[in-house]
């Protein structure tokens, strides 16, 4: 009895990559939302990177925009249907 290869067990590596990039884009957007929601709370006394409220809002906006851009790019490149002229 032959053992299945890694590709046979896990499926295409491309499939794993496409879902990983989708999950990471949602993580970036979620981090941005979290930074926005906690912008008015004081930083912890021993915080690794203490940020002020305006810095948190700007950084949160950057993460939200980056997450949205990555999400749209992933949908366009990984999940679109191939057009007939791509085969020729």
Protein backbone atom coordinates (compact mmCIF):
# COMPACT_ATOMS: atom_id res chain seq x y z
CA UNK A 1 0.00 0.00 0.00
CA UNK A 2 1.47 3.34 -1.07
CA UNK A 3 1.41 6.22 1.37
CA UNK A 4 -0.32 9.37 0.14
CA UNK A 5 1.87 12.33 -0.64
CA UNK A 6 1.55 15.61 1.21
CA UNK A 7 -0.20 17.20 -1.77
CA UNK A 8 -2.71 14.33 -1.87
CA UNK A 9 -3.43 14.68 1.85
CA UNK A 10 -3.64 18.48 2.03
CA UNK A 11 -4.79 19.33 -1.47
CA UNK A 12 -3.17 21.94 -3.63
CA UNK A 13 -0.70 24.25 -1.85
CA UNK A 14 -2.29 27.08 -3.84
CA UNK A 15 -5.58 26.44 -2.04
CA UNK A 16 -3.89 26.77 1.35
CA UNK A 17 -2.17 30.01 0.28
CA UNK A 18 -5.38 31.59 -0.98
CA UNK A 19 -7.22 30.98 2.28
CA UNK A 20 -4.22 32.06 4.36
CA UNK A 21 -4.08 35.40 2.54
CA UNK A 22 -7.82 35.89 3.09
CA UNK A 23 -7.47 35.16 6.80
CA UNK A 24 -4.48 37.50 7.11
CA UNK A 25 -6.37 40.32 5.42
CA UNK A 26 -9.18 39.87 7.95
CA UNK A 27 -6.62 39.85 10.78
CA UNK A 28 -5.18 43.17 9.56
CA UNK A 29 -8.62 44.76 9.31
CA UNK A 30 -9.59 43.41 12.75
CA UNK A 31 -6.40 44.80 14.27
CA UNK A 32 -7.24 48.18 12.80
CA UNK A 33 -10.75 48.09 14.22
CA UNK A 34 -9.36 47.08 17.61
CA UNK A 35 -6.91 49.99 17.54
CA UNK A 36 -9.78 52.36 16.71
CA UNK A 37 -11.95 51.02 19.52
CA UNK A 38 -9.17 51.25 22.10
CA UNK A 39 -7.86 54.65 20.98
CA UNK A 40 -9.37 56.51 23.93
CA UNK A 41 -8.25 54.02 26.57
CA UNK A 42 -4.97 54.76 28.36
CA UNK A 43 -2.03 52.51 27.55
CA UNK A 44 -0.99 49.95 30.15
CA UNK A 45 1.82 51.00 32.47
CA UNK A 46 4.28 48.41 31.17
CA UNK A 47 3.12 48.43 27.56
CA UNK A 48 5.64 47.24 25.01
CA UNK A 49 4.74 50.05 22.60
CA UNK A 50 2.74 52.81 24.30
CA UNK A 51 0.81 54.77 21.70
CA UNK A 52 -1.24 57.91 22.04
CA UNK A 53 -4.87 58.14 20.87
CA UNK A 54 -4.10 59.90 17.58
CA UNK A 55 -1.33 57.44 16.77
CA UNK A 56 -3.66 54.52 17.44
CA UNK A 57 -6.33 55.99 15.17
CA UNK A 58 -3.87 56.63 12.33
CA UNK A 59 -2.30 53.19 12.69
CA UNK A 60 -5.76 51.62 12.90
CA UNK A 61 -6.79 53.36 9.69
CA UNK A 62 -3.64 52.12 7.96
CA UNK A 63 -4.32 48.53 9.07
CA UNK A 64 -7.97 48.70 7.97
CA UNK A 65 -7.05 50.06 4.54
CA UNK A 66 -4.24 47.54 4.12
CA UNK A 67 -6.54 44.68 5.11
CA UNK A 68 -9.21 45.82 2.65
CA UNK A 69 -6.71 46.20 -0.18
CA UNK A 70 -5.26 42.74 0.47
CA UNK A 71 -8.76 41.24 0.67
CA UNK A 72 -9.81 42.74 -2.67
CA UNK A 73 -6.52 41.80 -4.36
CA UNK A 74 -6.79 38.22 -3.09
CA UNK A 75 -10.36 37.91 -4.33
CA UNK A 76 -9.40 39.26 -7.75
CA UNK A 77 -6.30 37.13 -8.22
CA UNK A 78 -7.16 33.87 -6.45
CA UNK A 79 -10.91 33.46 -6.75
CA UNK A 80 -11.84 34.84 -10.16
CA UNK A 81 -12.96 32.58 -12.94
CA UNK A 82 -10.50 32.24 -15.82
CA UNK A 83 -11.55 34.02 -19.00
CA UNK A 84 -11.54 32.17 -22.34
CA UNK A 85 -8.69 34.29 -23.75
CA UNK A 86 -6.37 33.16 -20.90
CA UNK A 87 -6.30 29.65 -22.36
CA UNK A 88 -5.02 30.69 -25.78
